Protein backbone atom coordinates (compact mmCIF):
# COMPACT_ATOMS: atom_id res chain seq x y z
CA PHE A 1 101.11 108.56 304.70
CA LEU A 2 100.54 111.57 302.50
CA TRP A 3 100.01 109.70 299.43
CA ALA A 4 97.23 107.85 302.07
CA VAL A 5 95.40 110.88 302.96
CA GLY A 6 95.49 112.27 299.11
CA VAL A 7 93.70 109.00 298.04
CA LEU A 8 90.86 108.93 300.92
CA CYS A 9 89.90 112.84 300.60
CA MET A 10 89.63 112.33 297.20
CA LEU A 11 87.85 108.94 296.97
CA GLY A 12 85.69 111.24 299.94
CA ALA A 13 84.96 113.88 296.93
CA MET A 14 84.34 111.26 294.17
CA ILE A 15 81.57 109.43 296.81
CA TYR A 16 80.17 112.93 298.07
CA THR A 17 79.46 114.04 293.91
CA LEU A 18 78.33 110.64 293.24
CA VAL A 19 75.55 110.99 296.16
CA SER A 20 74.74 113.71 295.05
CA MET A 21 73.96 112.83 291.17
CA LEU A 22 71.89 110.07 292.74
CA SER A 23 69.99 112.58 295.04
CA ALA A 24 69.19 114.32 291.50
CA TYR A 25 68.39 111.30 289.95
CA ASP A 26 65.86 110.59 292.43
CA GLU A 27 63.83 113.70 291.10
CA TYR A 28 63.79 112.64 287.56
CA PRO A 29 65.01 115.72 286.02
CA PHE A 30 64.34 116.63 282.18
CA ASN A 31 66.12 119.28 279.46
CA THR A 32 63.29 120.83 277.53
CA VAL A 33 65.01 120.60 273.62
CA THR A 34 63.46 122.57 270.71
CA LYS A 35 63.81 121.11 267.30
CA VAL A 36 62.39 122.84 264.21
CA MET A 37 61.86 120.81 261.03
CA ALA A 38 61.12 121.35 257.40
CA LYS A 39 57.93 119.25 256.07
CA THR A 40 56.63 118.80 252.79
CA SER A 41 53.26 118.89 253.86
CA LEU A 42 51.51 120.03 256.93
CA PRO A 43 47.27 119.15 258.32
CA PHE A 44 45.56 122.65 258.15
CA PRO A 45 44.77 123.89 261.96
CA GLY A 46 41.43 123.75 262.84
CA ILE A 47 38.98 126.88 263.06
CA THR A 48 36.56 127.51 264.72
CA ILE A 49 34.25 131.11 264.68
CA CYS A 50 31.65 132.88 266.74
CA ASN A 51 30.33 136.56 266.40
CA LEU A 52 31.71 138.79 269.13
CA ASN A 53 27.88 139.02 269.48
CA ASP A 54 25.53 136.10 270.21
CA VAL A 55 21.97 137.95 270.27
CA ASP A 56 20.41 139.52 267.31
CA SER A 57 17.72 142.05 268.49
CA ILE A 58 16.54 142.59 265.01
CA LEU A 59 15.21 138.95 264.84
CA ALA A 60 12.91 139.76 267.70
CA PRO A 61 10.70 142.83 268.90
CA VAL A 62 12.15 144.39 272.06
CA ASP A 63 9.52 143.55 274.79
CA ASN A 64 8.62 140.06 273.88
CA ALA A 65 9.01 137.77 276.92
CA ILE A 66 11.50 135.00 274.84
CA PHE A 67 13.73 137.90 273.56
CA ARG A 68 13.70 139.24 277.66
CA ASP A 69 14.53 135.89 278.78
CA VAL A 70 17.61 135.21 276.74
CA LYS A 71 19.23 139.06 277.58
CA THR A 72 18.97 137.92 281.27
CA TYR A 73 21.43 135.42 280.57
CA LEU A 74 23.76 137.16 277.75
CA VAL A 75 22.99 140.75 278.44
CA PHE A 76 25.00 142.58 280.80
CA GLY A 77 23.12 144.28 284.09
CA PHE A 78 19.73 143.49 282.57
CA PRO A 79 17.22 142.88 285.22
CA GLU A 80 15.36 139.50 286.24
CA VAL A 81 12.43 138.36 284.06
CA ASN A 82 9.81 138.48 286.69
CA GLU A 83 8.55 134.78 286.36
CA SER A 84 5.11 135.56 287.35
CA ASP A 85 4.72 137.91 284.91
CA PRO A 86 1.50 136.07 282.06
CA GLU A 87 4.11 136.24 279.38
CA TYR A 88 6.83 134.16 281.07
CA SER A 89 4.26 131.07 279.91
CA GLN A 90 5.18 131.90 276.67
CA VAL A 91 8.87 131.05 277.61
CA LEU A 92 7.72 128.04 279.36
CA ASN A 93 5.84 126.88 276.51
CA THR A 94 8.84 127.52 274.05
CA PRO A 95 11.33 124.66 272.90
CA ILE A 96 15.23 125.37 273.53
CA ASP A 97 16.03 125.01 269.88
CA ARG A 98 13.18 127.62 268.73
CA ILE A 99 14.24 130.07 271.33
CA VAL A 100 17.80 130.17 269.97
CA ASN A 101 16.89 130.03 266.33
CA SER A 102 14.84 133.28 266.69
CA SER A 103 17.01 135.56 268.95
CA PHE A 104 20.78 134.01 267.97
CA VAL A 105 23.12 135.20 265.51
CA ALA A 106 22.22 133.30 261.98
CA ASN A 107 25.56 132.08 260.35
CA GLU A 108 24.37 132.07 257.11
CA GLU A 109 24.37 135.97 257.77
CA PHE A 110 27.49 136.06 259.47
CA VAL A 111 29.30 134.51 256.66
CA ILE A 112 28.91 135.90 253.33
CA GLY A 113 31.51 134.12 251.06
CA CYS A 114 34.40 131.43 251.10
CA GLU A 115 37.38 130.40 249.71
CA LEU A 116 39.24 127.05 250.02
CA ASN A 117 42.81 127.60 248.21
CA GLY A 118 41.85 130.29 246.13
CA VAL A 119 38.72 128.71 244.91
CA GLY A 120 35.03 129.89 245.88
CA LYS A 121 33.14 127.30 247.89
CA ALA A 122 29.64 127.28 249.43
CA CYS A 123 30.91 127.85 252.89
CA GLY A 124 27.97 124.62 254.15
CA GLU A 125 30.95 122.52 252.03
CA ILE A 126 33.63 123.47 254.34
CA PHE A 127 32.10 124.70 257.42
CA ASP A 128 29.60 122.85 259.85
CA TYR A 129 27.40 125.14 261.99
CA ILE A 130 27.76 124.00 265.53
CA GLN A 131 26.23 125.70 268.82
CA SER A 132 28.22 126.49 271.59
CA SER A 133 26.64 127.81 275.16
CA SER A 134 25.89 130.88 274.44
CA SER A 135 26.32 131.40 270.23
CA LYS A 136 26.04 129.93 267.37
CA CYS A 137 29.54 129.22 265.31
CA LEU A 138 31.30 128.18 262.27
CA SER A 139 33.69 125.16 262.75
CA LEU A 140 36.24 124.17 259.84
CA LYS A 141 35.20 120.44 258.67
CA THR A 142 38.13 117.87 259.61
CA ASP A 143 37.22 115.65 256.51
CA LEU A 144 38.17 118.32 253.38
CA PRO A 145 41.58 116.06 252.16
CA ASP A 146 42.61 119.37 250.64
CA LEU A 147 43.24 120.14 254.51
CA GLN A 148 44.52 117.59 255.70
CA GLU A 149 47.69 117.65 253.95
CA MET A 150 48.43 121.24 253.13
CA VAL A 151 51.69 121.81 250.65
CA TYR A 152 51.23 125.32 250.17
CA ALA A 153 52.32 128.01 252.96
CA GLY A 154 51.41 131.55 252.63
CA PRO A 155 48.23 134.10 252.31
CA PHE A 156 46.99 132.68 248.99
CA SER A 157 45.95 129.07 250.30
CA GLY A 158 44.22 127.87 253.33
CA ILE A 159 40.74 129.74 253.83
CA ARG A 160 39.61 132.90 253.29
CA LEU A 161 35.96 134.27 254.01
CA TYR A 162 34.32 137.60 254.27
CA HIS A 163 32.08 138.31 257.22
CA TYR A 164 29.15 140.68 258.19
CA ILE A 165 28.71 141.43 261.72
CA ASN A 166 25.84 143.05 261.62
CA GLN A 167 26.23 145.98 264.44
CA PRO A 168 22.82 147.21 263.95
CA GLY A 169 21.56 143.77 266.10
CA TYR A 170 23.99 144.18 268.78
CA VAL A 171 23.00 144.22 272.16
CA ILE A 172 25.62 145.22 275.09
CA GLN A 173 26.78 142.30 276.48
CA GLN A 174 29.56 141.65 279.16
CA HIS A 175 31.63 143.05 276.56
CA VAL A 176 31.33 146.21 274.24
CA SER A 177 33.18 145.39 271.65
CA ALA A 178 32.59 144.42 267.59
CA GLY A 179 33.61 142.03 265.84
CA ILE A 180 34.19 138.30 265.83
CA LYS A 181 36.24 135.77 267.93
CA LEU A 182 38.71 132.97 266.21
CA TYR A 183 40.41 130.16 267.60
CA VAL A 184 43.18 127.98 266.13
CA HIS A 185 43.00 124.70 267.74
CA ASP A 186 43.90 121.22 266.73
CA PRO A 187 41.33 119.76 264.11
CA ASP A 188 40.67 116.70 266.64
CA GLU A 189 40.31 118.33 269.43
CA LEU A 190 37.71 121.04 270.98
CA PRO A 191 38.57 124.38 271.16
CA ASP A 192 38.82 125.94 274.18
CA LEU A 193 36.18 129.01 274.23
CA HIS A 194 37.45 130.46 277.23
CA SER A 195 40.92 131.10 276.50
CA SER A 196 43.39 131.38 273.14
CA VAL A 197 40.71 133.52 271.91
CA ILE A 198 41.63 135.71 268.61
CA LEU A 199 39.57 138.87 268.30
CA LEU A 200 39.16 140.53 265.00
CA SER A 201 37.74 143.87 264.01
CA PRO A 202 35.32 144.89 261.05
CA GLY A 203 36.86 147.16 258.65
CA PHE A 204 39.98 145.45 258.38
CA SER A 205 41.33 142.89 256.30
CA ASN A 206 43.29 140.40 258.72
CA TYR A 207 45.93 138.20 257.99
CA VAL A 208 46.25 134.99 260.51
CA ALA A 209 49.64 133.61 259.60
CA ALA A 210 49.03 129.43 261.98
CA ARG A 211 52.35 127.89 262.79
CA PRO A 212 52.19 124.42 264.72
CA ILE A 213 53.90 123.63 267.93
CA GLN A 214 53.70 119.98 268.96
CA TYR A 215 54.69 119.04 272.48
CA LYS A 216 56.08 115.53 273.46
CA PHE A 217 56.79 115.37 277.05
CA LEU A 218 58.00 112.41 279.15
CA PRO A 219 55.24 110.12 281.29
CA LYS A 220 55.60 109.54 284.56
CA PRO A 221 57.72 109.64 286.77
CA TYR A 222 58.54 112.49 285.29
CA MET A 223 56.67 115.85 286.31
CA ALA A 224 56.07 117.51 282.95
CA PHE A 225 53.58 119.89 284.58
CA GLY A 226 55.07 121.32 287.35
CA ASP A 227 53.88 118.69 290.32
CA GLU A 228 51.48 116.80 288.36
CA PRO A 229 52.78 114.27 285.22
CA CYS A 230 51.41 113.50 282.19
CA VAL A 231 50.07 110.50 280.69
CA ASP A 232 51.09 108.96 277.01
CA THR A 233 47.32 108.68 275.36
CA ASP A 234 49.18 106.46 272.46
CA GLU A 235 49.24 103.75 274.96
CA SER A 236 46.92 100.90 274.67
CA SER A 237 46.55 101.31 278.48
CA PHE A 238 45.02 104.43 278.05
CA ASP A 239 41.17 104.08 278.38
CA TYR A 240 39.87 107.22 278.84
CA LYS A 241 36.29 107.52 276.64
CA LEU A 242 34.84 110.97 276.14
CA ARG A 243 31.54 111.17 274.62
CA LEU A 244 31.82 115.01 273.60
CA SER A 245 35.42 114.28 271.37
CA ASP A 246 36.63 111.11 269.76
CA LYS A 247 40.13 112.11 270.72
CA TYR A 248 41.37 112.85 274.31
CA SER A 249 42.22 116.23 275.28
CA TYR A 250 42.48 118.06 278.40
CA THR A 251 39.64 120.73 277.25
CA ALA A 252 37.24 118.39 276.65
CA CYS A 253 37.33 116.10 279.45
CA ASN A 254 37.31 119.01 281.67
CA LEU A 255 34.05 120.35 280.10
CA GLU A 256 32.37 116.74 280.19
CA CYS A 257 33.03 116.72 283.85
CA THR A 258 31.39 120.65 284.47
CA LEU A 259 28.92 119.35 282.42
CA GLU A 260 28.08 116.38 283.82
CA GLU A 261 28.52 118.30 287.45
CA VAL A 262 25.90 120.90 286.49
CA ALA A 263 23.60 118.10 285.61
CA ASN A 264 23.85 116.12 288.65
CA ARG A 265 23.47 119.21 291.29
CA CYS A 266 20.89 120.92 288.93
CA GLY A 267 19.15 118.28 287.07
CA CYS A 268 19.01 119.27 284.02
CA ARG A 269 21.93 121.41 281.79
CA GLY A 270 20.33 124.56 280.19
CA VAL A 271 21.48 125.55 276.31
CA LEU A 272 22.31 129.18 277.44
CA ASN A 273 23.74 128.53 280.84
CA SER A 274 25.41 125.31 280.41
CA GLU A 275 29.16 126.87 281.46
CA GLN A 276 27.80 129.07 284.13
CA VAL A 277 29.02 127.19 287.13
CA TYR A 278 29.32 129.32 290.35
CA PHE A 279 31.93 126.61 292.17
CA ASN A 280 34.91 125.26 291.49
CA VAL A 281 34.58 122.21 290.15
CA SER A 282 38.34 121.02 290.23
CA ALA A 283 38.31 121.30 294.03
CA GLU A 284 34.87 119.93 294.63
CA ASN A 285 34.29 117.83 292.33
CA LYS A 286 37.88 116.64 291.58
CA CYS A 287 38.07 116.26 287.89
CA GLY A 288 40.95 114.09 288.01
CA CYS A 289 41.47 115.12 283.86
CA PRO A 290 44.84 113.91 282.95
CA ARG A 291 47.24 115.68 280.88
CA PRO A 292 48.36 114.74 277.98
CA CYS A 293 52.25 113.87 277.17
CA LYS A 294 51.39 115.02 273.29
CA TYR A 295 49.32 117.88 271.90
CA THR A 296 49.43 120.38 269.58
CA GLU A 297 49.09 124.26 269.49
CA TYR A 298 48.87 126.98 267.15
CA ASP A 299 51.06 130.07 267.08
CA THR A 300 49.82 132.95 265.38
CA ARG A 301 50.86 136.09 263.92
CA ILE A 302 48.25 138.73 262.97
CA SER A 303 48.56 141.40 260.15
CA SER A 304 45.93 143.93 258.82
CA ALA A 305 44.76 146.13 256.56
CA VAL A 306 41.72 148.65 256.06
CA PHE A 307 39.22 147.05 254.26
CA PRO A 308 37.84 147.77 251.71
CA SER A 309 39.82 150.91 250.64
CA GLU A 310 37.99 153.54 249.22
CA VAL A 311 38.34 153.31 245.39
CA ALA A 312 37.00 149.28 246.06
CA THR A 313 34.16 150.54 248.41
CA MET A 314 33.05 153.46 245.84
CA THR A 315 33.02 150.64 242.71
CA LEU A 316 31.80 147.96 244.72
CA GLN A 317 28.89 150.21 245.61
CA ALA A 318 28.09 151.14 242.55
CA MET A 319 27.56 147.69 241.36
CA ALA A 320 25.22 146.91 244.01
CA PHE A 321 27.39 144.70 246.17
CA LEU A 322 27.88 147.16 248.82
CA PRO A 323 25.10 148.96 251.20
CA LYS A 324 25.89 153.25 250.79
CA THR A 325 26.22 152.99 254.34
CA GLY A 326 28.05 150.75 257.64
CA VAL A 327 30.26 148.75 255.09
CA ARG A 328 33.41 149.95 257.68
CA GLU A 329 31.54 148.98 260.66
CA ASN A 330 30.51 145.75 259.89
CA TYR A 331 32.49 143.76 257.02
CA MET A 332 35.12 142.29 257.36
CA GLU A 333 38.23 139.84 255.54
CA ILE A 334 39.87 136.96 257.37
CA ARG A 335 42.61 134.88 255.62
CA ILE A 336 43.66 132.24 257.49
CA TYR A 337 47.04 129.88 256.40
CA LEU A 338 50.25 128.18 257.28
CA ASP A 339 53.17 130.78 257.64
CA LYS A 340 55.48 128.55 256.51
CA LEU A 341 55.91 124.48 255.88
CA LEU A 342 58.00 123.97 259.55
CA LEU A 343 57.18 122.01 262.46
CA GLU A 344 58.30 123.23 265.96
CA GLU A 345 58.82 120.30 268.48
CA VAL A 346 59.42 120.51 272.41
CA VAL A 347 60.43 118.25 273.28
CA HIS A 348 61.36 116.73 276.54
CA GLU A 349 64.56 114.54 277.77
CA PRO A 350 65.64 113.16 280.60
CA VAL A 351 69.14 114.65 281.97
CA TYR A 352 70.12 111.15 283.22
CA THR A 353 69.79 107.86 281.06
CA TYR A 354 71.66 104.54 281.54
CA ILE A 355 74.44 105.63 279.43
CA SER A 356 74.74 109.04 280.81
CA VAL A 357 75.06 107.59 284.11
CA MET A 358 77.65 105.10 282.99
CA GLY A 359 79.47 107.73 281.86
CA THR A 360 79.13 110.52 284.76
CA ILE A 361 80.23 107.51 287.13
CA GLY A 362 83.30 106.98 284.86
CA GLY A 363 84.39 110.45 284.50
CA GLN A 364 84.03 110.74 288.35
CA MET A 365 86.51 108.08 288.58
CA GLY A 366 88.94 109.15 286.15
CA PHE A 367 88.53 113.15 287.49
CA PHE A 368 89.13 111.89 291.48
CA MET A 369 91.28 108.87 291.58
CA GLY A 370 92.78 108.08 287.85
CA ALA A 371 90.66 104.75 288.04
CA SER A 372 88.40 102.99 285.22
CA LEU A 373 86.06 100.04 285.61
CA LEU A 374 89.25 97.76 285.39
CA THR A 375 91.13 99.64 288.15
CA VAL A 376 87.69 98.72 290.53
CA ALA A 377 88.00 95.21 289.04
CA GLU A 378 91.66 94.81 290.23
CA VAL A 379 90.92 96.44 293.50
CA LEU A 380 88.21 94.38 293.96
CA GLU A 381 90.55 91.20 292.98
CA PHE A 382 92.88 92.28 295.42
CA CYS A 383 90.43 92.58 298.24
CA LEU A 384 89.31 88.86 297.57
CA CYS A 385 92.84 87.21 297.24
CA PHE A 386 93.11 88.94 300.68
CA LEU A 387 90.31 88.05 302.15
CA PHE A 388 90.86 84.56 300.66
CA ARG A 389 94.28 84.14 302.75
CA PHE A 390 93.07 85.74 305.65
CA MET A 391 90.27 83.23 305.79
CA ARG A 392 92.80 80.50 304.96
CA ARG A 393 94.98 81.79 307.74
CA THR A 394 92.43 81.47 310.46
CA VAL A 395 91.18 78.45 309.50
CA TYR A 396 94.18 76.51 308.97
CA GLY A 397 96.64 78.12 310.92
CA MET A 398 99.68 80.56 309.70
CA SER A 399 101.28 78.27 307.25
CA GLY A 400 98.33 76.27 305.93
CA PRO A 401 96.74 72.29 306.99
CA GLY A 402 98.44 70.07 308.77
CA SER A 403 101.05 73.17 310.79
CA HIS A 404 101.45 74.51 314.47
CA PRO A 405 103.00 77.17 315.83
CA GLY A 406 106.13 75.95 317.09
CA HIS A 407 106.01 72.66 315.05
CA THR A 408 108.53 71.94 312.21
CA ARG A 409 107.52 70.05 309.10
CA ILE A 410 110.45 68.01 307.84
CA ILE A 411 109.96 67.05 304.01
CA PRO A 412 112.13 64.21 302.64
CA VAL A 413 113.88 65.04 299.51
CA LYS A 414 115.32 62.10 297.45
CA PRO A 415 118.17 62.57 295.95
CA LYS A 416 118.26 61.96 292.10
CA ASN A 417 120.07 59.67 289.81
CA VAL A 418 123.40 60.82 289.42
CA ASP A 419 125.70 59.11 286.71
CA VAL A 420 129.06 59.00 287.10
CA ALA A 421 131.56 59.08 284.39
CA SER A 422 134.15 56.13 284.66
């Protein structure tokens, strides 16, 4: 009796444990595993650089109607333009590209020197000049062979830039800082201009060491982002085309959705205020941009030193390479490079696989019952034999076919022939 009670208790504990495991399995849990792998080469990150100040007040007179109109969008606290003013017709009759060119910081003056892997280059050879929603920016070209496979790391490789930020042309915007905005991102994706920004100050030599981190998450039914699944953009069934980017990214999808919503609501989209949206796009328009399961980000480590040094300043001023005043307030150096030839991977791995589930079941059976699959097979065999005998007795009676209770069955036995010795 005690043995039977013990077996039943252990059986109940095993069943409870297995039910709990199956309940957890339905939630599709996963583990986050970090791997660091040494590589012989790595692609260089995408680089986008913008002046922290978008407008150059030196390019246009302060009382110019076009410049006043631009400042209503970009300058903090600037009053609205009186549209009944006769001068406002000058704004209405001026093409947008002319307004931008006459008021925004010029890229040719913004960057004054470029190097690629220690070799001087014309900045136009390695950078594209792009127009964002409110400023002109530099974007590193992605088709440069020297950057697609970087075999060296460290500050003497990568990109080296010299900038002149032109503080005399600054205006007061939503910030009161001076410097540049740097974005380090996947070279095949658009940068997110509203987050992950690095601010760098003039008067310093800024060293930016980049380290790639590649994320690989599990697709549906796993919830990679809290209560939201991700999609495998490499699958042939994924068909989510974007007009702004050849490669799908969450940032590009939301940006395109925002611009389309602005155009649908307003009937047009301004160059200067295309991203000033005063409604919740995700809530009202239901963009539905899926998050990719695989993407790359870059972690950065920044160090700086005074630039240029006192002796270098005096020497360069004597050689007429630098002005007599405003050097520390306007000039800066930036070096962007790979920290090491290491790739960090953050991978989601399922907690339960077929092998792990079978191993867990076998372990629970062995721990609670001292049993295995062979034991289960033997128990099933016993149950089937018992059921077969029970059904046979029920159908044919207690002793098999032709037998009845109280009836004696006589089986005749023939004697064997026995040779008797004479």
